[in-house]
Structure formats: structure tokens, C-alpha cells
Amino acid sequence: MSKQRLHLVFGGELENLEDVRFRDLSALDIVGVFGSYAEAEKAWRAKAQETVDNAHMRYFIVHLHRLLDPDDDGKF
């Protein structure tokens, strides 16, 4: 059985385009937790496309499995 590699997709509106600092933490969009990078990337692309007209809106993929197991050197 392969390791479960969890990925979090979330986003929000940035204060400016030079830094990753969100305007309103209470308004962060938590898209979800996904069991593979491929699933997370699909969700990330969909959200990025939905918000393409807002230059300050950014979505990210966080490799939760790396936080849970720092010795996990798997690429994705």
C-alpha cells in the first residue's frame, strides 16, 4: 500500500503583488484536501481559472504530507 500524500488547496486575495500577504484571513478560500498532487492541481487550476480577472487573487497547493512526515522525500 502506497503512502497517502495529502495536499491542501487554498487561496485568497493578496494585499499586493510583491508579497504573499492576504488582505483578509477570514476570507481565505479553503478549497479542500486531496489525496494526490494530480487531484490538487486539478482543483487549483479550476479555482485559478475562476478568479483570472482578479490579479490579486492567488491559489496555492501545500504539500501537507511533507509537514506530517518531514523525511518523506517523495516528489509529489
PDB file of N, CA and C in Angstrom:
ATOM      1  N   MET A   1       0.851  -1.177   0.000  1.00  0.00           N
ATOM      2  CA  MET A   1       0.000   0.000   0.000  1.00  0.00           C
ATOM      3  C   MET A   1       0.898   1.243   0.000  1.00  0.00           C
ATOM      4  N   SER A   2       0.660   2.155  -0.918  1.00  0.00           N
ATOM      5  CA  SER A   2       1.490   3.356  -1.025  1.00  0.00           C
ATOM      6  C   SER A   2       1.105   4.365   0.055  1.00  0.00           C
ATOM      7  N   LYS A   3       2.055   5.273   0.339  1.00  0.00           N
ATOM      8  CA  LYS A   3       1.811   6.316   1.334  1.00  0.00           C
ATOM      9  C   LYS A   3       0.739   7.274   0.847  1.00  0.00           C
ATOM     10  N   GLN A   4      -0.032   7.765   1.793  1.00  0.00           N
ATOM     11  CA  GLN A   4      -1.024   8.777   1.472  1.00  0.00           C
ATOM     12  C   GLN A   4      -0.324  10.128   1.447  1.00  0.00           C
ATOM     13  N   ARG A   5      -0.429  10.832   0.355  1.00  0.00           N
ATOM     14  CA  ARG A   5       0.225  12.138   0.214  1.00  0.00           C
ATOM     15  C   ARG A   5      -0.846  13.216   0.114  1.00  0.00           C
ATOM     16  N   LEU A   6      -1.109  13.851   1.246  1.00  0.00           N
ATOM     17  CA  LEU A   6      -2.173  14.848   1.321  1.00  0.00           C
ATOM     18  C   LEU A   6      -1.692  16.206   0.833  1.00  0.00           C
ATOM     19  N   HIS A   7      -2.582  16.903   0.118  1.00  0.00           N
ATOM     20  CA  HIS A   7      -2.297  18.237  -0.405  1.00  0.00           C
ATOM     21  C   HIS A   7      -3.492  19.141  -0.111  1.00  0.00           C
ATOM     22  N   LEU A   8      -3.194  20.346   0.385  1.00  0.00           N
ATOM     23  CA  LEU A   8      -4.211  21.345   0.681  1.00  0.00           C
ATOM     24  C   LEU A   8      -4.209  22.394  -0.425  1.00  0.00           C
ATOM     25  N   VAL A   9      -5.390  22.742  -0.913  1.00  0.00           N
ATOM     26  CA  VAL A   9      -5.521  23.821  -1.896  1.00  0.00           C
ATOM     27  C   VAL A   9      -6.317  24.939  -1.221  1.00  0.00           C
ATOM     28  N   PHE A  10      -5.733  26.127  -1.227  1.00  0.00           N
ATOM     29  CA  PHE A  10      -6.409  27.281  -0.634  1.00  0.00           C
ATOM     30  C   PHE A  10      -5.962  28.539  -1.366  1.00  0.00           C
ATOM     31  N   GLY A  11      -6.707  29.614  -1.148  1.00  0.00           N
ATOM     32  CA  GLY A  11      -6.339  30.872  -1.789  1.00  0.00           C
ATOM     33  C   GLY A  11      -7.033  32.042  -1.147  1.00  0.00           C
ATOM     34  N   GLY A  12      -6.669  33.198  -1.647  1.00  0.00           N
ATOM     35  CA  GLY A  12      -7.258  34.421  -1.152  1.00  0.00           C
ATOM     36  C   GLY A  12      -6.690  35.615  -1.888  1.00  0.00           C
ATOM     37  N   GLU A  13      -7.210  36.758  -1.536  1.00  0.00           N
ATOM     38  CA  GLU A  13      -6.784  37.995  -2.184  1.00  0.00           C
ATOM     39  C   GLU A  13      -5.556  38.556  -1.469  1.00  0.00           C
ATOM     40  N   LEU A  14      -4.516  38.834  -2.232  1.00  0.00           N
ATOM     41  CA  LEU A  14      -3.281  39.366  -1.672  1.00  0.00           C
ATOM     42  C   LEU A  14      -3.363  40.883  -1.500  1.00  0.00           C
ATOM     43  N   GLU A  15      -2.611  41.402  -0.524  1.00  0.00           N
ATOM     44  CA  GLU A  15      -2.552  42.847  -0.327  1.00  0.00           C
ATOM     45  C   GLU A  15      -1.874  43.537  -1.506  1.00  0.00           C
ATOM     46  N   ASN A  16      -0.812  42.910  -2.024  1.00  0.00           N
ATOM     47  CA  ASN A  16      -0.116  43.455  -3.194  1.00  0.00           C
ATOM     48  C   ASN A  16       0.515  42.292  -3.955  1.00  0.00           C
ATOM     49  N   LEU A  17       1.005  42.578  -5.134  1.00  0.00           N
ATOM     50  CA  LEU A  17       1.544  41.510  -5.982  1.00  0.00           C
ATOM     51  C   LEU A  17       2.999  41.187  -5.691  1.00  0.00           C
ATOM     52  N   GLU A  18       3.614  41.920  -4.774  1.00  0.00           N
ATOM     53  CA  GLU A  18       5.028  41.729  -4.455  1.00  0.00           C
ATOM     54  C   GLU A  18       5.253  40.756  -3.303  1.00  0.00           C
ATOM     55  N   ASP A  19       4.205  40.399  -2.571  1.00  0.00           N
ATOM     56  CA  ASP A  19       4.371  39.624  -1.347  1.00  0.00           C
ATOM     57  C   ASP A  19       3.196  38.656  -1.193  1.00  0.00           C
ATOM     58  N   VAL A  20       3.401  37.609  -0.432  1.00  0.00           N
ATOM     59  CA  VAL A  20       2.301  36.689  -0.126  1.00  0.00           C
ATOM     60  C   VAL A  20       1.779  37.060   1.257  1.00  0.00           C
ATOM     61  N   ARG A  21       0.914  38.059   1.263  1.00  0.00           N
ATOM     62  CA  ARG A  21       0.244  38.518   2.481  1.00  0.00           C
ATOM     63  C   ARG A  21      -1.211  38.768   2.103  1.00  0.00           C
ATOM     64  N   PHE A  22      -2.111  38.055   2.786  1.00  0.00           N
ATOM     65  CA  PHE A  22      -3.519  38.114   2.430  1.00  0.00           C
ATOM     66  C   PHE A  22      -4.206  39.337   3.034  1.00  0.00           C
ATOM     67  N   ARG A  23      -5.140  39.896   2.272  1.00  0.00           N
ATOM     68  CA  ARG A  23      -5.901  41.068   2.736  1.00  0.00           C
ATOM     69  C   ARG A  23      -6.771  40.742   3.935  1.00  0.00           C
ATOM     70  N   ASP A  24      -7.426  39.587   3.899  1.00  0.00           N
ATOM     71  CA  ASP A  24      -8.384  39.238   4.951  1.00  0.00           C
ATOM     72  C   ASP A  24      -8.312  37.731   5.200  1.00  0.00           C
ATOM     73  N   LEU A  25      -7.669  37.343   6.293  1.00  0.00           N
ATOM     74  CA  LEU A  25      -7.519  35.911   6.594  1.00  0.00           C
ATOM     75  C   LEU A  25      -8.861  35.218   6.794  1.00  0.00           C
ATOM     76  N   SER A  26      -9.853  35.944   7.263  1.00  0.00           N
ATOM     77  CA  SER A  26     -11.165  35.328   7.479  1.00  0.00           C
ATOM     78  C   SER A  26     -11.872  35.019   6.155  1.00  0.00           C
ATOM     79  N   ALA A  27     -11.375  35.588   5.071  1.00  0.00           N
ATOM     80  CA  ALA A  27     -11.992  35.359   3.756  1.00  0.00           C
ATOM     81  C   ALA A  27     -11.214  34.344   2.910  1.00  0.00           C
ATOM     82  N   LEU A  28     -10.235  33.655   3.508  1.00  0.00           N
ATOM     83  CA  LEU A  28      -9.494  32.653   2.746  1.00  0.00           C
ATOM     84  C   LEU A  28     -10.448  31.574   2.229  1.00  0.00           C
ATOM     85  N   ASP A  29     -10.198  31.134   1.031  1.00  0.00           N
ATOM     86  CA  ASP A  29     -10.998  30.090   0.404  1.00  0.00           C
ATOM     87  C   ASP A  29     -10.252  28.766   0.554  1.00  0.00           C
ATOM     88  N   ILE A  30     -10.731  27.923   1.460  1.00  0.00           N
ATOM     89  CA  ILE A  30     -10.149  26.599   1.661  1.00  0.00           C
ATOM     90  C   ILE A  30     -10.870  25.668   0.684  1.00  0.00           C
ATOM     91  N   VAL A  31     -10.208  25.344  -0.411  1.00  0.00           N
ATOM     92  CA  VAL A  31     -10.824  24.529  -1.459  1.00  0.00           C
ATOM     93  C   VAL A  31     -10.980  23.096  -0.986  1.00  0.00           C
ATOM     94  N   GLY A  32      -9.937  22.550  -0.359  1.00  0.00           N
ATOM     95  CA  GLY A  32     -10.032  21.194   0.165  1.00  0.00           C
ATOM     96  C   GLY A  32      -8.696  20.512   0.310  1.00  0.00           C
ATOM     97  N   VAL A  33      -8.760  19.289   0.832  1.00  0.00           N
ATOM     98  CA  VAL A  33      -7.593  18.431   0.994  1.00  0.00           C
ATOM     99  C   VAL A  33      -7.756  17.282   0.016  1.00  0.00           C
ATOM    100  N   PHE A  34      -6.675  16.987  -0.703  1.00  0.00           N
ATOM    101  CA  PHE A  34      -6.716  15.993  -1.766  1.00  0.00           C
ATOM    102  C   PHE A  34      -5.648  14.924  -1.530  1.00  0.00           C
ATOM    103  N   GLY A  35      -5.917  13.725  -1.975  1.00  0.00           N
ATOM    104  CA  GLY A  35      -5.044  12.585  -1.733  1.00  0.00           C
ATOM    105  C   GLY A  35      -3.915  12.413  -2.720  1.00  0.00           C
ATOM    106  N   SER A  36      -3.865  13.257  -3.733  1.00  0.00           N
ATOM    107  CA  SER A  36      -2.761  13.186  -4.689  1.00  0.00           C
ATOM    108  C   SER A  36      -2.496  14.581  -5.241  1.00  0.00           C
ATOM    109  N   TYR A  37      -1.283  14.764  -5.728  1.00  0.00           N
ATOM    110  CA  TYR A  37      -0.934  16.047  -6.319  1.00  0.00           C
ATOM    111  C   TYR A  37      -1.795  16.313  -7.556  1.00  0.00           C
ATOM    112  N   ALA A  38      -2.055  15.283  -8.340  1.00  0.00           N
ATOM    113  CA  ALA A  38      -2.848  15.446  -9.564  1.00  0.00           C
ATOM    114  C   ALA A  38      -4.246  15.986  -9.251  1.00  0.00           C
ATOM    115  N   GLU A  39      -4.871  15.447  -8.204  1.00  0.00           N
ATOM    116  CA  GLU A  39      -6.202  15.933  -7.803  1.00  0.00           C
ATOM    117  C   GLU A  39      -6.123  17.381  -7.315  1.00  0.00           C
ATOM    118  N   ALA A  40      -5.100  17.676  -6.520  1.00  0.00           N
ATOM    119  CA  ALA A  40      -4.926  19.028  -6.001  1.00  0.00           C
ATOM    120  C   ALA A  40      -4.684  20.018  -7.131  1.00  0.00           C
ATOM    121  N   GLU A  41      -3.864  19.629  -8.090  1.00  0.00           N
ATOM    122  CA  GLU A  41      -3.570  20.510  -9.216  1.00  0.00           C
ATOM    123  C   GLU A  41      -4.820  20.787 -10.047  1.00  0.00           C
ATOM    124  N   LYS A  42      -5.654  19.788 -10.216  1.00  0.00           N
ATOM    125  CA  LYS A  42      -6.910  19.975 -10.961  1.00  0.00           C
ATOM    126  C   LYS A  42      -7.805  21.005 -10.258  1.00  0.00           C
ATOM    127  N   ALA A  43      -7.912  20.892  -8.927  1.00  0.00           N
ATOM    128  CA  ALA A  43      -8.717  21.843  -8.151  1.00  0.00           C
ATOM    129  C   ALA A  43      -8.091  23.237  -8.196  1.00  0.00           C
ATOM    130  N   TRP A  44      -6.779  23.299  -8.075  1.00  0.00           N
ATOM    131  CA  TRP A  44      -6.052  24.573  -8.123  1.00  0.00           C
ATOM    132  C   TRP A  44      -6.286  25.270  -9.465  1.00  0.00           C
ATOM    133  N   ARG A  45      -6.156  24.525 -10.558  1.00  0.00           N
ATOM    134  CA  ARG A  45      -6.364  25.108 -11.898  1.00  0.00           C
ATOM    135  C   ARG A  45      -7.785  25.638 -12.058  1.00  0.00           C
ATOM    136  N   ALA A  46      -8.751  24.896 -11.569  1.00  0.00           N
ATOM    137  CA  ALA A  46     -10.149  25.329 -11.679  1.00  0.00           C
ATOM    138  C   ALA A  46     -10.376  26.638 -10.924  1.00  0.00           C
ATOM    139  N   LYS A  47      -9.848  26.730  -9.700  1.00  0.00           N
ATOM    140  CA  LYS A  47     -10.021  27.953  -8.910  1.00  0.00           C
ATOM    141  C   LYS A  47      -9.257  29.119  -9.522  1.00  0.00           C
ATOM    142  N   ALA A  48      -8.051  28.862 -10.003  1.00  0.00           N
ATOM    143  CA  ALA A  48      -7.268  29.921 -10.639  1.00  0.00           C
ATOM    144  C   ALA A  48      -8.006  30.454 -11.868  1.00  0.00           C
ATOM    145  N   GLN A  49      -8.623  29.570 -12.629  1.00  0.00           N
ATOM    146  CA  GLN A  49      -9.362  29.988 -13.821  1.00  0.00           C
ATOM    147  C   GLN A  49     -10.596  30.807 -13.440  1.00  0.00           C
ATOM    148  N   GLU A  50     -11.266  30.406 -12.358  1.00  0.00           N
ATOM    149  CA  GLU A  50     -12.459  31.135 -11.897  1.00  0.00           C
ATOM    150  C   GLU A  50     -12.140  32.571 -11.508  1.00  0.00           C
ATOM    151  N   THR A  51     -10.935  32.805 -11.023  1.00  0.00           N
ATOM    152  CA  THR A  51     -10.570  34.114 -10.480  1.00  0.00           C
ATOM    153  C   THR A  51      -9.564  34.857 -11.355  1.00  0.00           C
ATOM    154  N   VAL A  52      -9.467  34.471 -12.606  1.00  0.00           N
ATOM    155  CA  VAL A  52      -8.451  35.032 -13.506  1.00  0.00           C
ATOM    156  C   VAL A  52      -8.597  36.554 -13.677  1.00  0.00           C
ATOM    157  N   ASP A  53      -9.772  37.089 -13.497  1.00  0.00           N
ATOM    158  CA  ASP A  53      -9.991  38.531 -13.669  1.00  0.00           C
ATOM    159  C   ASP A  53      -9.523  39.373 -12.485  1.00  0.00           C
ATOM    160  N   ASN A  54      -9.184  38.732 -11.372  1.00  0.00           N
ATOM    161  CA  ASN A  54      -8.705  39.443 -10.189  1.00  0.00           C
ATOM    162  C   ASN A  54      -7.210  39.156 -10.033  1.00  0.00           C
ATOM    163  N   ALA A  55      -6.375  40.108 -10.407  1.00  0.00           N
ATOM    164  CA  ALA A  55      -4.923  39.913 -10.382  1.00  0.00           C
ATOM    165  C   ALA A  55      -4.391  39.674  -8.974  1.00  0.00           C
ATOM    166  N   HIS A  56      -5.121  40.089  -7.948  1.00  0.00           N
ATOM    167  CA  HIS A  56      -4.652  39.921  -6.570  1.00  0.00           C
ATOM    168  C   HIS A  56      -5.049  38.576  -5.960  1.00  0.00           C
ATOM    169  N   MET A  57      -5.879  37.826  -6.655  1.00  0.00           N
ATOM    170  CA  MET A  57      -6.334  36.543  -6.127  1.00  0.00           C
ATOM    171  C   MET A  57      -5.321  35.460  -6.484  1.00  0.00           C
ATOM    172  N   ARG A  58      -4.892  34.688  -5.480  1.00  0.00           N
ATOM    173  CA  ARG A  58      -3.915  33.623  -5.701  1.00  0.00           C
ATOM    174  C   ARG A  58      -4.344  32.356  -4.971  1.00  0.00           C
ATOM    175  N   TYR A  59      -4.101  31.237  -5.602  1.00  0.00           N
ATOM    176  CA  TYR A  59      -4.348  29.927  -5.002  1.00  0.00           C
ATOM    177  C   TYR A  59      -3.030  29.178  -4.907  1.00  0.00           C
ATOM    178  N   PHE A  60      -2.923  28.338  -3.880  1.00  0.00           N
ATOM    179  CA  PHE A  60      -1.697  27.622  -3.586  1.00  0.00           C
ATOM    180  C   PHE A  60      -1.990  26.153  -3.304  1.00  0.00           C
ATOM    181  N   ILE A  61      -0.980  25.323  -3.552  1.00  0.00           N
ATOM    182  CA  ILE A  61      -1.019  23.914  -3.161  1.00  0.00           C
ATOM    183  C   ILE A  61       0.032  23.725  -2.079  1.00  0.00           C
ATOM    184  N   VAL A  62      -0.389  23.229  -0.923  1.00  0.00           N
ATOM    185  CA  VAL A  62       0.512  22.951   0.191  1.00  0.00           C
ATOM    186  C   VAL A  62       0.667  21.438   0.296  1.00  0.00           C
ATOM    187  N   HIS A  63       1.890  20.985   0.338  1.00  0.00           N
ATOM    188  CA  HIS A  63       2.186  19.551   0.470  1.00  0.00           C
ATOM    189  C   HIS A  63       2.094  19.168   1.951  1.00  0.00           C
ATOM    190  N   LEU A  64       0.893  18.855   2.405  1.00  0.00           N
ATOM    191  CA  LEU A  64       0.688  18.515   3.811  1.00  0.00           C
ATOM    192  C   LEU A  64       1.488  17.289   4.218  1.00  0.00           C
ATOM    193  N   HIS A  65       1.669  16.353   3.304  1.00  0.00           N
ATOM    194  CA  HIS A  65       2.394  15.126   3.642  1.00  0.00           C
ATOM    195  C   HIS A  65       3.834  15.437   4.047  1.00  0.00           C
ATOM    196  N   ARG A  66       4.403  16.502   3.522  1.00  0.00           N
ATOM    197  CA  ARG A  66       5.767  16.887   3.909  1.00  0.00           C
ATOM    198  C   ARG A  66       5.814  17.493   5.300  1.00  0.00           C
ATOM    199  N   LEU A  67       4.728  18.135   5.717  1.00  0.00           N
ATOM    200  CA  LEU A  67       4.653  18.672   7.077  1.00  0.00           C
ATOM    201  C   LEU A  67       4.422  17.554   8.090  1.00  0.00           C
ATOM    202  N   LEU A  68       3.636  16.559   7.690  1.00  0.00           N
ATOM    203  CA  LEU A  68       3.324  15.449   8.586  1.00  0.00           C
ATOM    204  C   LEU A  68       4.491  14.477   8.719  1.00  0.00           C
ATOM    205  N   ASP A  69       5.281  14.341   7.639  1.00  0.00           N
ATOM    206  CA  ASP A  69       6.424  13.425   7.638  1.00  0.00           C
ATOM    207  C   ASP A  69       7.579  14.105   6.928  1.00  0.00           C
ATOM    208  N   PRO A  70       8.384  14.892   7.649  1.00  0.00           N
ATOM    209  CA  PRO A  70       9.482  15.635   7.034  1.00  0.00           C
ATOM    210  C   PRO A  70      10.505  14.763   6.319  1.00  0.00           C
ATOM    211  N   ASP A  71      10.570  13.483   6.654  1.00  0.00           N
ATOM    212  CA  ASP A  71      11.509  12.570   5.997  1.00  0.00           C
ATOM    213  C   ASP A  71      10.995  12.054   4.664  1.00  0.00           C
ATOM    214  N   ASP A  72       9.751  12.387   4.343  1.00  0.00           N
ATOM    215  CA  ASP A  72       9.161  11.954   3.077  1.00  0.00           C
ATOM    216  C   ASP A  72       9.765  12.793   1.955  1.00  0.00           C
ATOM    217  N   ASP A  73      10.657  12.197   1.189  1.00  0.00           N
ATOM    218  CA  ASP A  73      11.320  12.932   0.122  1.00  0.00           C
ATOM    219  C   ASP A  73      10.685  12.681  -1.233  1.00  0.00           C
ATOM    220  N   GLY A  74       9.472  12.125  -1.234  1.00  0.00           N
ATOM    221  CA  GLY A  74       8.770  11.913  -2.494  1.00  0.00           C
ATOM    222  C   GLY A  74       8.514  13.222  -3.206  1.00  0.00           C
ATOM    223  N   LYS A  75       8.633  13.200  -4.525  1.00  0.00           N
ATOM    224  CA  LYS A  75       8.478  14.422  -5.292  1.00  0.00           C
ATOM    225  C   LYS A  75       7.092  15.024  -5.107  1.00  0.00           C
ATOM    226  N   PHE A  76       6.069  14.207  -5.164  1.00  0.00           N
ATOM    227  CA  PHE A  76       4.714  14.705  -5.026  1.00  0.00           C
ATOM    228  C   PHE A  76       3.960  13.753  -4.131  1.00  0.00           C
TER     229      PHE A  76
END
